[in-house]
Amino acid sequence: MWSASSASGFGLNPERIHSGVVHSLREWILSAIRNLERIHSRSEWTTFRRELCMDFNLDRVRKNIEQSTTEDLLDRATVYRNGMESDALDLIDTELERRGITAADIAQHFARREQGVILLSDGTAQPCSHCDRPAVVRQWSWHRIWGKIPVFPRPYWHCEEHRPK
């Protein structure tokens, strides 16, 4: 598991802001942009991403999994699996077993979701713009300020429940 102390030297460690090494968030962001040109391999990109992300808190993840619906856990264990931490996947699989979900049930859910889901380049499902379910439809619409004033067109993704009629 990654921690802030294992930073590889991209200059993005958030602790540097608090310790006074980096004097402002603006400086930290500019440092991140400058360091993008130093990334030449997938492992360097993974390290760079981890330095920008928050720490993985297993207790918060465990609590979230216990409170999640079975359908949500099935989605995480199938169509969102590629984008998840291995420790979180172990907890999800354990919770599904505790709820009486078999491997056949998981395979059936995956087969059902796999057919209509929009996949991203990393193999995970595109989430719905309105909830956490996998999207099945992409539609362009206006981004609106306060839900009323159209500003610019942008893509929206919709799951089966939020699909436009």
N, C-alpha and C. Protein backbone atom coordinates (compact mmCIF):
# COMPACT_ATOMS: atom_id res chain seq x y z
N MET A 1 0.84 -1.17 0.00
CA MET A 1 0.00 0.00 0.00
C MET A 1 0.89 1.24 0.00
N TRP A 2 0.49 2.25 -0.76
CA TRP A 2 1.27 3.47 -0.88
C TRP A 2 1.03 4.38 0.29
N SER A 3 2.06 5.07 0.72
CA SER A 3 1.88 6.09 1.76
C SER A 3 2.65 7.32 1.32
N ALA A 4 2.37 8.42 1.96
CA ALA A 4 3.01 9.67 1.59
C ALA A 4 4.52 9.60 1.77
N SER A 5 5.00 8.77 2.68
CA SER A 5 6.44 8.67 2.91
C SER A 5 7.17 7.91 1.80
N SER A 6 6.43 7.21 0.93
CA SER A 6 7.08 6.44 -0.13
C SER A 6 7.07 7.17 -1.46
N ALA A 7 6.95 8.48 -1.44
CA ALA A 7 6.90 9.27 -2.67
C ALA A 7 8.21 9.11 -3.43
N SER A 8 8.10 9.11 -4.76
CA SER A 8 9.27 8.80 -5.58
C SER A 8 10.03 10.03 -6.04
N GLY A 9 9.64 11.21 -5.63
CA GLY A 9 10.41 12.38 -6.02
C GLY A 9 9.80 13.18 -7.14
N PHE A 10 8.56 13.00 -7.43
CA PHE A 10 7.92 13.83 -8.44
C PHE A 10 7.59 15.21 -7.90
N GLY A 11 7.76 15.42 -6.61
CA GLY A 11 7.50 16.72 -6.02
C GLY A 11 6.03 16.97 -5.76
N LEU A 12 5.24 15.92 -5.64
CA LEU A 12 3.80 16.09 -5.50
C LEU A 12 3.28 15.68 -4.14
N ASN A 13 4.15 15.30 -3.26
CA ASN A 13 3.73 14.81 -1.96
C ASN A 13 2.99 15.90 -1.19
N PRO A 14 1.70 15.68 -0.82
CA PRO A 14 0.95 16.69 -0.11
C PRO A 14 1.58 17.11 1.21
N GLU A 15 2.38 16.24 1.84
CA GLU A 15 3.04 16.61 3.09
C GLU A 15 4.01 17.76 2.88
N ARG A 16 4.53 17.90 1.65
CA ARG A 16 5.46 18.98 1.38
C ARG A 16 4.78 20.34 1.52
N ILE A 17 3.49 20.41 1.23
CA ILE A 17 2.77 21.67 1.39
C ILE A 17 2.71 22.04 2.86
N HIS A 18 2.35 21.06 3.72
CA HIS A 18 2.19 21.33 5.14
C HIS A 18 3.52 21.58 5.84
N SER A 19 4.60 21.01 5.32
CA SER A 19 5.90 21.19 5.98
C SER A 19 6.58 22.47 5.57
N GLY A 20 6.01 23.19 4.59
CA GLY A 20 6.59 24.45 4.17
C GLY A 20 7.54 24.33 3.00
N VAL A 21 7.82 23.11 2.51
CA VAL A 21 8.70 22.94 1.36
C VAL A 21 8.04 23.56 0.13
N VAL A 22 6.77 23.33 -0.04
CA VAL A 22 6.00 23.96 -1.10
C VAL A 22 5.12 25.00 -0.42
N HIS A 23 5.15 26.23 -0.89
CA HIS A 23 4.51 27.31 -0.17
C HIS A 23 3.04 27.53 -0.50
N SER A 24 2.57 26.94 -1.60
CA SER A 24 1.17 27.16 -1.94
C SER A 24 0.65 26.00 -2.77
N LEU A 25 -0.65 25.86 -2.79
CA LEU A 25 -1.28 24.85 -3.63
C LEU A 25 -0.98 25.13 -5.10
N ARG A 26 -0.95 26.39 -5.48
CA ARG A 26 -0.65 26.78 -6.87
C ARG A 26 0.73 26.25 -7.27
N GLU A 27 1.71 26.42 -6.38
CA GLU A 27 3.06 25.93 -6.66
C GLU A 27 3.07 24.41 -6.80
N TRP A 28 2.29 23.72 -5.96
CA TRP A 28 2.19 22.27 -6.01
C TRP A 28 1.60 21.81 -7.34
N ILE A 29 0.54 22.48 -7.81
CA ILE A 29 -0.10 22.14 -9.09
C ILE A 29 0.86 22.39 -10.25
N LEU A 30 1.55 23.53 -10.22
CA LEU A 30 2.53 23.82 -11.29
C LEU A 30 3.65 22.79 -11.30
N SER A 31 4.06 22.35 -10.12
CA SER A 31 5.07 21.31 -10.03
C SER A 31 4.57 20.02 -10.66
N ALA A 32 3.30 19.69 -10.42
CA ALA A 32 2.71 18.48 -11.01
C ALA A 32 2.72 18.57 -12.52
N ILE A 33 2.35 19.70 -13.07
CA ILE A 33 2.32 19.88 -14.53
C ILE A 33 3.72 19.76 -15.11
N ARG A 34 4.70 20.39 -14.46
CA ARG A 34 6.09 20.31 -14.96
C ARG A 34 6.60 18.88 -14.94
N ASN A 35 6.19 18.10 -13.94
CA ASN A 35 6.68 16.74 -13.80
C ASN A 35 6.02 15.75 -14.74
N LEU A 36 4.94 16.15 -15.42
CA LEU A 36 4.30 15.25 -16.38
C LEU A 36 5.28 14.82 -17.48
N GLU A 37 6.19 15.72 -17.88
CA GLU A 37 7.13 15.39 -18.95
C GLU A 37 8.18 14.37 -18.50
N ARG A 38 8.31 14.12 -17.20
CA ARG A 38 9.27 13.13 -16.69
C ARG A 38 8.72 11.72 -16.71
N ILE A 39 7.45 11.55 -17.06
CA ILE A 39 6.83 10.23 -17.01
C ILE A 39 7.04 9.51 -18.34
N HIS A 40 7.75 8.39 -18.29
CA HIS A 40 8.07 7.65 -19.50
C HIS A 40 7.56 6.21 -19.50
N SER A 41 7.06 5.74 -18.37
CA SER A 41 6.60 4.36 -18.32
C SER A 41 5.31 4.26 -17.51
N ARG A 42 4.67 3.12 -17.62
CA ARG A 42 3.41 2.90 -16.89
C ARG A 42 3.63 2.93 -15.38
N SER A 43 4.75 2.38 -14.91
CA SER A 43 4.99 2.37 -13.46
C SER A 43 5.22 3.79 -12.93
N GLU A 44 5.89 4.63 -13.72
CA GLU A 44 6.06 6.02 -13.30
C GLU A 44 4.72 6.75 -13.27
N TRP A 45 3.83 6.43 -14.23
CA TRP A 45 2.51 7.05 -14.25
C TRP A 45 1.71 6.61 -13.02
N THR A 46 1.81 5.33 -12.65
CA THR A 46 1.10 4.84 -11.48
C THR A 46 1.59 5.55 -10.22
N THR A 47 2.89 5.72 -10.09
CA THR A 47 3.46 6.42 -8.94
C THR A 47 2.99 7.86 -8.91
N PHE A 48 2.99 8.51 -10.07
CA PHE A 48 2.54 9.91 -10.18
C PHE A 48 1.09 10.04 -9.74
N ARG A 49 0.23 9.13 -10.22
CA ARG A 49 -1.19 9.16 -9.85
C ARG A 49 -1.37 8.96 -8.36
N ARG A 50 -0.63 8.03 -7.78
CA ARG A 50 -0.76 7.75 -6.35
C ARG A 50 -0.36 8.96 -5.51
N GLU A 51 0.63 9.72 -5.97
CA GLU A 51 1.04 10.90 -5.23
C GLU A 51 -0.05 11.96 -5.24
N LEU A 52 -0.89 11.97 -6.25
CA LEU A 52 -1.98 12.93 -6.32
C LEU A 52 -3.21 12.47 -5.55
N CYS A 53 -3.31 11.17 -5.28
CA CYS A 53 -4.51 10.59 -4.65
C CYS A 53 -4.39 10.60 -3.13
N MET A 54 -5.53 10.41 -2.51
CA MET A 54 -5.57 10.31 -1.06
C MET A 54 -5.12 8.91 -0.63
N ASP A 55 -4.72 8.79 0.62
CA ASP A 55 -4.33 7.49 1.16
C ASP A 55 -5.53 6.55 1.23
N PHE A 56 -5.27 5.27 1.09
CA PHE A 56 -6.29 4.24 1.14
C PHE A 56 -6.56 3.90 2.59
N ASN A 57 -7.79 4.12 3.06
CA ASN A 57 -8.15 3.88 4.45
C ASN A 57 -9.03 2.64 4.51
N LEU A 58 -8.46 1.54 4.96
CA LEU A 58 -9.15 0.25 4.95
C LEU A 58 -10.38 0.23 5.85
N ASP A 59 -10.33 0.93 6.98
CA ASP A 59 -11.49 0.95 7.88
C ASP A 59 -12.67 1.68 7.25
N ARG A 60 -12.42 2.80 6.56
CA ARG A 60 -13.50 3.51 5.87
C ARG A 60 -14.07 2.67 4.75
N VAL A 61 -13.21 1.98 4.04
CA VAL A 61 -13.66 1.11 2.95
C VAL A 61 -14.53 -0.02 3.50
N ARG A 62 -14.10 -0.64 4.59
CA ARG A 62 -14.86 -1.73 5.21
C ARG A 62 -16.25 -1.24 5.64
N LYS A 63 -16.32 -0.07 6.25
CA LYS A 63 -17.61 0.49 6.68
C LYS A 63 -18.51 0.77 5.48
N ASN A 64 -17.92 1.33 4.41
CA ASN A 64 -18.69 1.61 3.20
C ASN A 64 -19.23 0.34 2.58
N ILE A 65 -18.43 -0.71 2.55
CA ILE A 65 -18.85 -1.99 1.96
C ILE A 65 -20.00 -2.59 2.76
N GLU A 66 -19.92 -2.52 4.08
CA GLU A 66 -20.98 -3.08 4.92
C GLU A 66 -22.31 -2.35 4.72
N GLN A 67 -22.25 -1.05 4.39
CA GLN A 67 -23.46 -0.25 4.21
C GLN A 67 -23.99 -0.29 2.78
N SER A 68 -23.22 -0.81 1.83
CA SER A 68 -23.61 -0.81 0.42
C SER A 68 -24.64 -1.88 0.12
N THR A 69 -25.41 -1.64 -0.94
CA THR A 69 -26.38 -2.63 -1.39
C THR A 69 -25.65 -3.78 -2.09
N THR A 70 -26.31 -4.91 -2.18
CA THR A 70 -25.72 -6.07 -2.85
C THR A 70 -25.46 -5.77 -4.33
N GLU A 71 -26.38 -5.06 -4.98
CA GLU A 71 -26.19 -4.71 -6.40
C GLU A 71 -24.94 -3.85 -6.58
N ASP A 72 -24.74 -2.89 -5.69
CA ASP A 72 -23.56 -2.03 -5.76
C ASP A 72 -22.29 -2.86 -5.59
N LEU A 73 -22.28 -3.78 -4.63
CA LEU A 73 -21.11 -4.63 -4.42
C LEU A 73 -20.86 -5.53 -5.62
N LEU A 74 -21.92 -6.04 -6.23
CA LEU A 74 -21.76 -6.87 -7.44
C LEU A 74 -21.16 -6.05 -8.57
N ASP A 75 -21.59 -4.80 -8.73
CA ASP A 75 -21.00 -3.93 -9.75
C ASP A 75 -19.52 -3.69 -9.49
N ARG A 76 -19.17 -3.42 -8.23
CA ARG A 76 -17.76 -3.19 -7.89
C ARG A 76 -16.92 -4.44 -8.13
N ALA A 77 -17.49 -5.61 -7.85
CA ALA A 77 -16.75 -6.86 -8.01
C ALA A 77 -16.64 -7.30 -9.47
N THR A 78 -17.42 -6.70 -10.35
CA THR A 78 -17.41 -7.12 -11.76
C THR A 78 -16.96 -5.98 -12.68
N VAL A 79 -17.83 -5.07 -13.03
CA VAL A 79 -17.52 -4.07 -14.05
C VAL A 79 -16.58 -2.97 -13.58
N TYR A 80 -16.47 -2.73 -12.27
CA TYR A 80 -15.53 -1.74 -11.75
C TYR A 80 -14.26 -2.37 -11.18
N ARG A 81 -14.11 -3.67 -11.32
CA ARG A 81 -13.03 -4.42 -10.70
C ARG A 81 -11.63 -3.91 -11.08
N ASN A 82 -11.41 -3.58 -12.35
CA ASN A 82 -10.07 -3.16 -12.80
C ASN A 82 -9.59 -1.88 -12.13
N GLY A 83 -10.50 -1.04 -11.68
CA GLY A 83 -10.10 0.23 -11.09
C GLY A 83 -10.06 0.23 -9.57
N MET A 84 -10.11 -0.94 -8.96
CA MET A 84 -10.18 -0.99 -7.50
C MET A 84 -8.90 -1.56 -6.88
N GLU A 85 -8.66 -1.18 -5.64
CA GLU A 85 -7.53 -1.72 -4.87
C GLU A 85 -7.78 -3.19 -4.55
N SER A 86 -6.73 -3.99 -4.55
CA SER A 86 -6.88 -5.42 -4.28
C SER A 86 -7.40 -5.69 -2.87
N ASP A 87 -7.00 -4.86 -1.90
CA ASP A 87 -7.50 -5.04 -0.53
C ASP A 87 -9.01 -4.80 -0.47
N ALA A 88 -9.48 -3.79 -1.20
CA ALA A 88 -10.92 -3.51 -1.23
C ALA A 88 -11.66 -4.65 -1.90
N LEU A 89 -11.10 -5.21 -2.96
CA LEU A 89 -11.75 -6.33 -3.65
C LEU A 89 -11.86 -7.55 -2.73
N ASP A 90 -10.84 -7.79 -1.92
CA ASP A 90 -10.90 -8.90 -0.95
C ASP A 90 -12.05 -8.69 0.03
N LEU A 91 -12.20 -7.46 0.51
CA LEU A 91 -13.30 -7.15 1.44
C LEU A 91 -14.66 -7.32 0.76
N ILE A 92 -14.76 -6.87 -0.50
CA ILE A 92 -16.02 -6.99 -1.24
C ILE A 92 -16.38 -8.45 -1.44
N ASP A 93 -15.40 -9.26 -1.87
CA ASP A 93 -15.66 -10.68 -2.08
C ASP A 93 -16.09 -11.37 -0.79
N THR A 94 -15.46 -11.01 0.32
CA THR A 94 -15.82 -11.58 1.62
C THR A 94 -17.25 -11.18 2.01
N GLU A 95 -17.60 -9.91 1.79
CA GLU A 95 -18.94 -9.44 2.13
C GLU A 95 -20.00 -10.11 1.26
N LEU A 96 -19.70 -10.31 -0.02
CA LEU A 96 -20.65 -11.00 -0.90
C LEU A 96 -20.86 -12.44 -0.44
N GLU A 97 -19.79 -13.11 -0.04
CA GLU A 97 -19.92 -14.47 0.50
C GLU A 97 -20.77 -14.46 1.77
N ARG A 98 -20.55 -13.48 2.63
CA ARG A 98 -21.33 -13.38 3.88
C ARG A 98 -22.82 -13.18 3.59
N ARG A 99 -23.12 -12.49 2.49
CA ARG A 99 -24.52 -12.25 2.11
C ARG A 99 -25.12 -13.41 1.31
N GLY A 100 -24.34 -14.46 1.10
CA GLY A 100 -24.86 -15.64 0.42
C GLY A 100 -24.82 -15.58 -1.10
N ILE A 101 -24.02 -14.69 -1.65
CA ILE A 101 -23.88 -14.58 -3.11
C ILE A 101 -22.80 -15.55 -3.56
N THR A 102 -23.15 -16.40 -4.52
CA THR A 102 -22.21 -17.42 -5.01
C THR A 102 -21.43 -16.90 -6.22
N ALA A 103 -20.42 -17.65 -6.61
CA ALA A 103 -19.63 -17.30 -7.80
C ALA A 103 -20.51 -17.33 -9.05
N ALA A 104 -21.49 -18.22 -9.08
CA ALA A 104 -22.41 -18.29 -10.21
C ALA A 104 -23.28 -17.03 -10.28
N ASP A 105 -23.70 -16.52 -9.14
CA ASP A 105 -24.47 -15.28 -9.10
C ASP A 105 -23.64 -14.10 -9.61
N ILE A 106 -22.38 -14.06 -9.22
CA ILE A 106 -21.48 -12.99 -9.67
C ILE A 106 -21.27 -13.08 -11.18
N ALA A 107 -21.06 -14.29 -11.69
CA ALA A 107 -20.87 -14.47 -13.14
C ALA A 107 -22.13 -14.09 -13.90
N GLN A 108 -23.28 -14.41 -13.38
CA GLN A 108 -24.55 -14.05 -14.03
C GLN A 108 -24.73 -12.53 -14.04
N HIS A 109 -24.39 -11.87 -12.96
CA HIS A 109 -24.49 -10.41 -12.90
C HIS A 109 -23.53 -9.78 -13.91
N PHE A 110 -22.32 -10.31 -13.99
CA PHE A 110 -21.33 -9.78 -14.93
C PHE A 110 -21.81 -9.95 -16.37
N ALA A 111 -22.37 -11.10 -16.70
CA ALA A 111 -22.86 -11.34 -18.06
C ALA A 111 -23.99 -10.37 -18.41
N ARG A 112 -24.84 -10.08 -17.45
CA ARG A 112 -25.95 -9.15 -17.67
C ARG A 112 -25.43 -7.72 -17.88
N ARG A 113 -24.48 -7.29 -17.05
CA ARG A 113 -23.95 -5.93 -17.13
C ARG A 113 -23.02 -5.74 -18.34
N GLU A 114 -22.27 -6.78 -18.68
CA GLU A 114 -21.25 -6.68 -19.71
C GLU A 114 -21.82 -6.31 -21.08
N GLN A 115 -23.02 -6.72 -21.37
CA GLN A 115 -23.59 -6.55 -22.70
C GLN A 115 -23.84 -5.10 -23.08
N GLY A 116 -24.37 -4.28 -22.16
CA GLY A 116 -24.73 -2.93 -22.56
C GLY A 116 -23.89 -1.83 -21.97
N VAL A 117 -22.91 -2.17 -21.13
CA VAL A 117 -22.14 -1.17 -20.41
C VAL A 117 -21.12 -0.48 -21.31
N ILE A 118 -20.95 0.83 -21.11
CA ILE A 118 -19.93 1.59 -21.82
C ILE A 118 -18.62 1.44 -21.05
N LEU A 119 -17.58 0.95 -21.72
CA LEU A 119 -16.29 0.71 -21.08
C LEU A 119 -15.31 1.85 -21.37
N LEU A 120 -14.50 2.16 -20.37
CA LEU A 120 -13.42 3.13 -20.53
C LEU A 120 -12.18 2.42 -21.08
N SER A 121 -11.16 3.18 -21.40
CA SER A 121 -9.95 2.59 -21.98
C SER A 121 -9.25 1.62 -21.03
N ASP A 122 -9.40 1.78 -19.72
CA ASP A 122 -8.75 0.88 -18.78
C ASP A 122 -9.57 -0.37 -18.49
N GLY A 123 -10.72 -0.53 -19.14
CA GLY A 123 -11.54 -1.72 -18.98
C GLY A 123 -12.62 -1.62 -17.93
N THR A 124 -12.64 -0.52 -17.17
CA THR A 124 -13.70 -0.33 -16.18
C THR A 124 -14.91 0.30 -16.85
N ALA A 125 -16.05 0.19 -16.20
CA ALA A 125 -17.28 0.75 -16.74
C ALA A 125 -17.35 2.25 -16.47
N GLN A 126 -17.93 2.97 -17.42
CA GLN A 126 -18.19 4.40 -17.23
C GLN A 126 -19.36 4.53 -16.26
N PRO A 127 -19.19 5.26 -15.16
CA PRO A 127 -20.32 5.42 -14.24
C PRO A 127 -21.37 6.38 -14.79
N CYS A 128 -22.58 6.22 -14.34
CA CYS A 128 -23.69 7.10 -14.68
C CYS A 128 -23.38 8.50 -14.14
N SER A 129 -23.83 9.53 -14.84
CA SER A 129 -23.63 10.90 -14.37
C SER A 129 -24.50 11.24 -13.17
N HIS A 130 -25.48 10.40 -12.86
CA HIS A 130 -26.43 10.70 -11.79
C HIS A 130 -26.30 9.77 -10.57
N CYS A 131 -25.65 8.62 -10.74
CA CYS A 131 -25.51 7.67 -9.64
C CYS A 131 -24.24 6.84 -9.87
N ASP A 132 -24.06 5.78 -9.11
CA ASP A 132 -22.84 4.96 -9.22
C ASP A 132 -23.00 3.73 -10.11
N ARG A 133 -24.18 3.54 -10.71
CA ARG A 133 -24.37 2.38 -11.58
C ARG A 133 -23.60 2.56 -12.89
N PRO A 134 -23.29 1.46 -13.58
CA PRO A 134 -22.60 1.57 -14.87
C PRO A 134 -23.52 2.18 -15.93
N ALA A 135 -22.94 3.04 -16.76
CA ALA A 135 -23.70 3.72 -17.81
C ALA A 135 -23.92 2.80 -19.00
N VAL A 136 -25.06 2.96 -19.65
CA VAL A 136 -25.37 2.19 -20.86
C VAL A 136 -25.63 3.10 -22.06
N VAL A 137 -25.79 4.41 -21.82
CA VAL A 137 -26.08 5.36 -22.89
C VAL A 137 -25.26 6.63 -22.67
N ARG A 138 -24.72 7.15 -23.77
CA ARG A 138 -24.03 8.45 -23.73
C ARG A 138 -24.87 9.43 -24.54
N GLN A 139 -25.09 10.61 -23.98
CA GLN A 139 -25.92 11.61 -24.65
C GLN A 139 -25.32 13.00 -24.38
N TRP A 140 -25.28 13.83 -25.43
CA TRP A 140 -24.82 15.20 -25.27
C TRP A 140 -25.98 16.06 -24.79
N SER A 141 -25.67 16.93 -23.83
CA SER A 141 -26.68 17.87 -23.33
C SER A 141 -25.94 19.09 -22.80
N TRP A 142 -26.70 20.08 -22.40
CA TRP A 142 -26.12 21.32 -21.90
C TRP A 142 -25.75 21.20 -20.42
N HIS A 143 -24.54 21.64 -20.09
CA HIS A 143 -24.17 21.82 -18.69
C HIS A 143 -24.84 23.12 -18.25
N ARG A 144 -25.58 23.08 -17.15
CA ARG A 144 -26.35 24.24 -16.72
C ARG A 144 -25.92 24.72 -15.34
N ILE A 145 -25.83 26.03 -15.20
CA ILE A 145 -25.55 26.63 -13.90
C ILE A 145 -26.86 26.68 -13.14
N TRP A 146 -26.83 26.24 -11.88
CA TRP A 146 -28.01 26.17 -11.01
C TRP A 146 -29.14 25.39 -11.66
N GLY A 147 -28.80 24.49 -12.59
CA GLY A 147 -29.80 23.66 -13.25
C GLY A 147 -30.68 24.41 -14.23
N LYS A 148 -30.36 25.66 -14.55
CA LYS A 148 -31.23 26.46 -15.41
C LYS A 148 -30.53 27.11 -16.59
N ILE A 149 -29.37 27.73 -16.37
CA ILE A 149 -28.71 28.52 -17.41
C ILE A 149 -27.74 27.63 -18.18
N PRO A 150 -28.00 27.39 -19.49
CA PRO A 150 -27.07 26.56 -20.27
C PRO A 150 -25.75 27.30 -20.51
N VAL A 151 -24.63 26.58 -20.29
CA VAL A 151 -23.32 27.19 -20.42
C VAL A 151 -22.54 26.59 -21.60
N PHE A 152 -22.43 25.27 -21.63
CA PHE A 152 -21.70 24.61 -22.71
C PHE A 152 -22.22 23.18 -22.85
N PRO A 153 -22.13 22.62 -24.06
CA PRO A 153 -22.55 21.22 -24.23
C PRO A 153 -21.47 20.27 -23.70
N ARG A 154 -21.93 19.16 -23.15
CA ARG A 154 -21.00 18.15 -22.65
C ARG A 154 -21.69 16.80 -22.65
N PRO A 155 -20.90 15.71 -22.65
CA PRO A 155 -21.52 14.38 -22.63
C PRO A 155 -22.03 14.02 -21.24
N TYR A 156 -23.15 13.36 -21.21
CA TYR A 156 -23.71 12.78 -19.98
C TYR A 156 -23.88 11.30 -20.23
N TRP A 157 -23.61 10.51 -19.19
CA TRP A 157 -23.78 9.07 -19.28
C TRP A 157 -24.93 8.67 -18.38
N HIS A 158 -25.76 7.73 -18.86
CA HIS A 158 -26.95 7.33 -18.13
C HIS A 158 -26.99 5.81 -17.95
N CYS A 159 -27.38 5.39 -16.74
CA CYS A 159 -27.62 3.98 -16.47
C CYS A 159 -29.04 3.63 -16.93
N GLU A 160 -29.44 2.38 -16.72
CA GLU A 160 -30.78 1.97 -17.11
C GLU A 160 -31.86 2.78 -16.40
N GLU A 161 -31.63 3.10 -15.14
CA GLU A 161 -32.64 3.84 -14.37
C GLU A 161 -32.77 5.29 -14.81
N HIS A 162 -31.65 5.94 -15.16
CA HIS A 162 -31.67 7.35 -15.55
C HIS A 162 -31.67 7.57 -17.06
N ARG A 163 -31.82 6.51 -17.80
CA ARG A 163 -31.82 6.59 -19.26
C ARG A 163 -32.97 7.49 -19.75
N PRO A 164 -32.67 8.43 -20.67
CA PRO A 164 -33.75 9.28 -21.18
C PRO A 164 -34.77 8.48 -21.96
N LYS A 165 -36.00 8.88 -21.87
CA LYS A 165 -37.06 8.14 -22.54
C LYS A 165 -37.32 8.64 -23.93
